[in-house]
Every structure is written in C-alpha cells, then in structure tokens.
Amino acid sequence: MPAACPDRRGRVLTGGAPVPDAMLQRWQAALPDTEITVVYGSTEAEPVASMSLPERLAVAGKGYCTGKPVEGLSARLVRITCEPLVFRTWAELDVPAGGIGELIVSGAHVCRDYFRNPEAVTGNKLIDGEGACWHRMGDTGYFDKAGRFWLTRAACRSSSRRIGTQCQSNSRPRCGQTVGDCRAGRGGAWLGRAASGFRNSGRPTDLHAHTAAARSAAPVQDRL
C-alpha cells in the first residue's frame, strides 16, 4: 500500500471505465481524508449512478456494482435485443424482478438526439406512451434488493447497437485486453484500441499518437 500523502483534494470523482477494488484501496490508503465517489454513466447520460468508496468496497455480489440511480433519473431494465425497441406496453419490454436486462434511463439530463444520425436515434432511443425519451445504455445487469445496479457479462453486435462485454467482478475485472471490452457505446472500439496500444508500449508520450491512429482507422460511425 502507498504511504498517505498530504490531502489537497476534498473530493474525487472517478469513472469512465470500471474501477477495480484494488485501485480504490490504494487511493483510500493514499488519501484517507478525501471523499471518493465512483460514478457510472455515459456520454448521453452522465451521471446515471454513483456510490462512495467505502460502500463499493463493502458490497459483494455477482457483477460490477455501480450504485443506485441518481436523483432525478428514472431507470428500468428491458429485454436484451440488438434490434430497435418499439414501445407498445411496458409489460412487453420489462424483465422480471431480479432478472438481467438492458438498462434504460430517462431524465432531464439524458440526451434525446444525435447530430445528423437518425440510425443512432432509432437504435438507442425509446419513446414511451407518455412521450418520455429513454436512452438505452447498452449495458446489461440487474438491480439488487437495495436498488443498486450491477453490470453483468453480455455481448451483442449489430450495425446500430453495441452491447459490450461487461466486467464480472469488482475486485478483478475480466475485461479482455482493451478498455473497449469493458464499455458499451459509440466510440468504444477505437478508444479500446488506443488504450491497448498505449498500455503495451509503456511510454506515456505515445497516448495521443495511439489514440489518433486508432480513431482514424475506425469506421465513421464509431467516431461520432
């Protein structure tokens, strides 16, 4: 464990990719008086859920715990499919309590549209019977009895939908070789390739070069 360092930050928010328990334990040892919060979300909806570092280290279950949905956000699980969702009734879409499904969210801070990309709108948005827009997170999992969302392992591919492989464990993420394996959504493929190349090179100065090269080689839809 690293030695504690002078605490110059009152609060730390971390997210963007799964954060393993081992990393949180190192931060806790180095910054014992700092409030550290693990945040879960996406470009289209940020934040979706969060939990404090002590709570994350104390929970145990199957999957990767993201915490409870934030205030002002509605969240529910629907059946897993690569096809666009068409709303008729919630009964046709919802999964049984405790079951695994794809997470969808709705709220004032959840984006409703994509710039000049109707295919992405069709594949990633759902308008319910009351006109509310729901964003399909592309992440699959379940809610525990405390209302926390746990990411689980699933994979799906189609032209407009991507449900990526998720980490199965807080303590030891099983994410394959790249960040892209752990994160669903547009842009994950080129970001994963960049992160993999950067990690393997071992040279911090290579980060921007790897990112630019991977992004330029990715299909246009992956870069939107």
Protein backbone atom coordinates (compact mmCIF):
# COMPACT_ATOMS: atom_id res chain seq x y z
CA MET A 1 0.00 0.00 0.00
CA PRO A 2 1.33 3.51 -0.78
CA ALA A 3 2.08 5.88 2.06
CA ALA A 4 -0.54 8.53 2.76
CA CYS A 5 0.17 11.84 1.04
CA PRO A 6 -0.91 15.38 2.00
CA ASP A 7 -4.63 15.70 1.28
CA ARG A 8 -5.06 18.63 -1.10
CA ARG A 9 -8.33 17.47 -2.64
CA GLY A 10 -11.54 17.42 -0.66
CA ARG A 11 -13.40 15.22 -3.13
CA VAL A 12 -12.52 12.89 -6.00
CA LEU A 13 -14.95 11.60 -8.63
CA THR A 14 -13.82 8.66 -10.74
CA GLY A 15 -15.46 6.96 -13.70
CA GLY A 16 -15.23 6.47 -17.46
CA ALA A 17 -14.28 2.81 -17.07
CA PRO A 18 -14.70 0.10 -14.42
CA VAL A 19 -12.61 0.87 -11.32
CA PRO A 20 -11.28 -2.27 -9.57
CA ASP A 21 -11.34 -2.59 -5.80
CA ALA A 22 -7.55 -2.86 -5.65
CA MET A 23 -7.22 0.62 -7.16
CA LEU A 24 -9.79 2.05 -4.75
CA GLN A 25 -7.93 0.51 -1.81
CA ARG A 26 -4.70 2.21 -2.94
CA TRP A 27 -6.47 5.56 -3.21
CA GLN A 28 -8.06 5.09 0.20
CA ALA A 29 -4.64 4.45 1.74
CA ALA A 30 -3.03 7.40 -0.04
CA LEU A 31 -5.91 9.86 0.54
CA PRO A 32 -7.54 8.77 3.80
CA ASP A 33 -9.34 12.08 4.38
CA THR A 34 -10.65 12.52 0.84
CA GLU A 35 -14.24 11.78 -0.16
CA ILE A 36 -14.00 9.46 -3.18
CA THR A 37 -17.09 8.66 -5.26
CA VAL A 38 -17.31 6.10 -8.06
CA VAL A 39 -19.57 7.41 -10.85
CA TYR A 40 -21.29 5.42 -13.61
CA GLY A 41 -22.75 6.93 -16.76
CA SER A 42 -22.25 7.54 -20.47
CA THR A 43 -21.82 10.40 -22.92
CA GLU A 44 -25.59 10.52 -23.37
CA ALA A 45 -26.43 10.26 -19.67
CA GLU A 46 -23.96 11.37 -17.02
CA PRO A 47 -24.27 10.57 -14.19
CA VAL A 48 -26.53 7.51 -14.03
CA ALA A 49 -25.47 6.03 -10.69
CA SER A 50 -22.83 6.53 -8.05
CA MET A 51 -21.59 5.18 -4.75
CA SER A 52 -19.00 6.12 -2.17
CA LEU A 53 -15.68 4.32 -1.96
CA PRO A 54 -16.45 2.71 1.44
CA GLU A 55 -19.80 1.42 0.15
CA ARG A 56 -18.21 0.00 -3.00
CA LEU A 57 -15.57 -1.85 -1.01
CA ALA A 58 -18.20 -3.25 1.36
CA VAL A 59 -20.66 -4.68 -1.19
CA ALA A 60 -20.48 -8.21 -2.53
CA GLY A 61 -22.43 -9.75 -5.39
CA LYS A 62 -22.31 -11.09 -8.91
CA GLY A 63 -21.12 -8.45 -11.33
CA TYR A 64 -19.72 -4.94 -11.06
CA CYS A 65 -21.68 -2.69 -8.69
CA THR A 66 -22.36 0.86 -9.95
CA GLY A 67 -24.58 2.06 -7.11
CA LYS A 68 -28.11 3.47 -7.01
CA PRO A 69 -29.51 5.63 -9.81
CA VAL A 70 -29.01 9.33 -9.08
CA GLU A 71 -31.84 11.63 -8.02
CA GLY A 72 -33.99 12.84 -10.90
CA LEU A 73 -33.23 9.83 -13.09
CA SER A 74 -35.67 7.04 -13.94
CA ALA A 75 -34.10 3.66 -14.65
CA ARG A 76 -35.50 0.26 -15.59
CA LEU A 77 -34.47 -2.99 -17.24
CA VAL A 78 -35.83 -4.23 -20.56
CA ARG A 79 -35.33 -7.42 -22.53
CA ILE A 80 -31.98 -7.76 -24.25
CA THR A 81 -32.04 -7.35 -28.02
CA CYS A 82 -29.88 -5.86 -30.74
CA GLU A 83 -32.94 -4.59 -32.57
CA PRO A 84 -34.59 -1.17 -32.09
CA LEU A 85 -37.19 -1.09 -29.35
CA VAL A 86 -40.77 -0.14 -30.23
CA PHE A 87 -42.99 0.85 -27.34
CA ARG A 88 -46.45 -0.64 -27.03
CA THR A 89 -46.63 -1.57 -23.34
CA TRP A 90 -44.04 -1.88 -20.59
CA ALA A 91 -45.26 -5.41 -19.98
CA GLU A 92 -43.79 -6.41 -23.34
CA LEU A 93 -40.39 -4.91 -22.53
CA ASP A 94 -39.78 -5.27 -18.79
CA VAL A 95 -37.84 -8.15 -17.27
CA PRO A 96 -38.98 -9.90 -14.05
CA ALA A 97 -37.77 -8.51 -10.71
CA GLY A 98 -34.23 -9.70 -10.08
CA GLY A 99 -33.76 -10.66 -13.73
CA ILE A 100 -30.99 -9.49 -16.06
CA GLY A 101 -31.84 -6.98 -18.77
CA GLU A 102 -30.53 -3.94 -20.61
CA LEU A 103 -30.54 -0.73 -18.60
CA ILE A 104 -32.52 2.20 -19.99
CA VAL A 105 -32.68 5.64 -18.37
CA SER A 106 -34.75 8.79 -18.67
CA GLY A 107 -34.36 12.23 -17.14
CA ALA A 108 -33.78 15.91 -17.77
CA HIS A 109 -30.04 15.40 -18.29
CA VAL A 110 -30.41 12.45 -20.69
CA CYS A 111 -29.87 13.44 -24.33
CA ARG A 112 -32.74 12.82 -26.76
CA ASP A 113 -30.96 13.02 -30.12
CA TYR A 114 -27.78 12.56 -32.14
CA PHE A 115 -26.46 15.12 -34.61
CA ARG A 116 -27.45 14.09 -38.15
CA ASN A 117 -27.59 10.42 -37.18
CA PRO A 118 -31.16 9.08 -37.38
CA GLU A 119 -29.90 5.48 -37.33
CA ALA A 120 -28.37 6.04 -33.90
CA VAL A 121 -31.59 7.62 -32.64
CA THR A 122 -33.62 4.63 -33.82
CA GLY A 123 -31.21 2.13 -32.30
CA ASN A 124 -30.54 3.86 -28.99
CA LYS A 125 -33.71 5.71 -28.01
CA LEU A 126 -37.16 4.62 -26.91
CA ILE A 127 -40.18 6.93 -26.67
CA ASP A 128 -42.78 5.63 -24.23
CA GLY A 129 -46.53 6.09 -24.25
CA GLU A 130 -46.27 9.41 -22.39
CA GLY A 131 -43.68 10.86 -24.77
CA ALA A 132 -40.71 10.42 -22.43
CA CYS A 133 -37.39 9.60 -24.09
CA TRP A 134 -35.44 6.65 -22.72
CA HIS A 135 -31.78 6.09 -23.57
CA ARG A 136 -30.55 2.52 -23.99
CA MET A 137 -27.28 2.30 -22.05
CA GLY A 138 -26.09 -0.80 -23.90
CA ASP A 139 -25.10 -2.22 -20.51
CA THR A 140 -26.78 -5.31 -19.11
CA GLY A 141 -27.27 -6.25 -15.49
CA TYR A 142 -29.70 -6.42 -12.60
CA PHE A 143 -30.90 -4.44 -9.58
CA ASP A 144 -30.24 -5.88 -6.14
CA LYS A 145 -32.67 -5.62 -3.20
CA ALA A 146 -31.08 -2.32 -2.16
CA GLY A 147 -31.78 -0.80 -5.59
CA ARG A 148 -28.16 -0.82 -6.78
CA PHE A 149 -27.41 -1.64 -10.41
CA TRP A 150 -24.88 -4.41 -11.10
CA LEU A 151 -23.24 -4.77 -14.50
CA THR A 152 -23.02 -8.35 -15.77
CA ARG A 153 -21.43 -10.11 -18.71
CA ALA A 154 -23.19 -9.95 -22.08
CA ALA A 155 -22.29 -9.37 -25.71
CA CYS A 156 -24.26 -8.18 -28.71
CA ARG A 157 -23.35 -6.68 -32.04
CA SER A 158 -25.38 -5.08 -34.82
CA SER A 159 -24.99 -2.17 -37.23
CA SER A 160 -26.62 0.34 -34.88
CA ARG A 161 -26.45 -1.34 -31.46
CA ARG A 162 -23.50 -2.40 -29.39
CA ILE A 163 -23.78 -4.12 -26.05
CA GLY A 164 -20.23 -4.66 -24.90
CA THR A 165 -18.71 -7.30 -22.67
CA GLN A 166 -19.01 -6.14 -19.08
CA CYS A 167 -16.76 -6.74 -16.09
CA GLN A 168 -17.91 -9.54 -13.81
CA SER A 169 -16.11 -8.66 -10.60
CA ASN A 170 -15.35 -5.59 -8.54
CA SER A 171 -12.04 -6.95 -7.34
CA ARG A 172 -10.79 -8.41 -10.61
CA PRO A 173 -12.38 -7.01 -13.77
CA ARG A 174 -12.43 -9.59 -16.56
CA CYS A 175 -12.25 -7.14 -19.40
CA GLY A 176 -10.11 -8.81 -22.03
CA GLN A 177 -7.32 -6.72 -23.49
CA THR A 178 -8.81 -3.28 -24.01
CA VAL A 179 -10.91 -0.60 -22.42
CA GLY A 180 -13.34 -1.09 -25.30
CA ASP A 181 -14.18 -4.56 -23.99
CA CYS A 182 -15.49 -3.02 -20.77
CA ARG A 183 -17.57 -0.22 -22.16
CA ALA A 184 -20.55 -0.32 -24.50
CA GLY A 185 -21.49 2.53 -26.80
CA ARG A 186 -20.27 4.51 -29.77
CA GLY A 187 -16.54 5.16 -29.81
CA GLY A 188 -15.63 2.23 -27.58
CA ALA A 189 -13.83 0.32 -30.32
CA TRP A 190 -11.29 2.98 -31.27
CA LEU A 191 -10.77 4.04 -27.65
CA GLY A 192 -10.09 0.42 -26.72
CA ARG A 193 -7.51 0.02 -29.45
CA ALA A 194 -5.81 3.23 -28.38
CA ALA A 195 -5.72 2.20 -24.72
CA SER A 196 -4.37 -1.24 -25.61
CA GLY A 197 -1.58 0.21 -27.73
CA PHE A 198 -0.68 2.76 -25.07
CA ARG A 199 -0.59 0.12 -22.33
CA ASN A 200 1.58 -2.25 -24.35
CA SER A 201 4.05 0.47 -25.36
CA GLY A 202 4.74 1.53 -21.80
CA ARG A 203 5.55 5.08 -22.94
CA PRO A 204 3.16 7.83 -21.74
CA THR A 205 4.09 10.07 -24.66
CA ASP A 206 2.56 7.52 -27.04
CA LEU A 207 -1.00 8.04 -25.74
CA HIS A 208 -2.05 10.75 -28.19
CA ALA A 209 -0.38 9.04 -31.13
CA HIS A 210 -2.10 5.71 -30.43
CA THR A 211 -5.45 7.43 -29.91
CA ALA A 212 -5.22 9.39 -33.16
CA ALA A 213 -4.13 6.34 -35.16
CA ALA A 214 -6.86 4.11 -33.77
CA ARG A 215 -9.53 6.74 -34.26
CA SER A 216 -8.56 7.46 -37.87
CA ALA A 217 -8.71 3.73 -38.65
CA ALA A 218 -12.16 3.27 -37.08
CA PRO A 219 -15.39 3.31 -39.13
CA VAL A 220 -17.07 6.70 -39.26
CA GLN A 221 -19.99 5.59 -37.07
CA ASP A 222 -17.54 4.62 -34.30
CA ARG A 223 -16.16 8.16 -34.24
CA LEU A 224 -19.43 10.08 -33.94
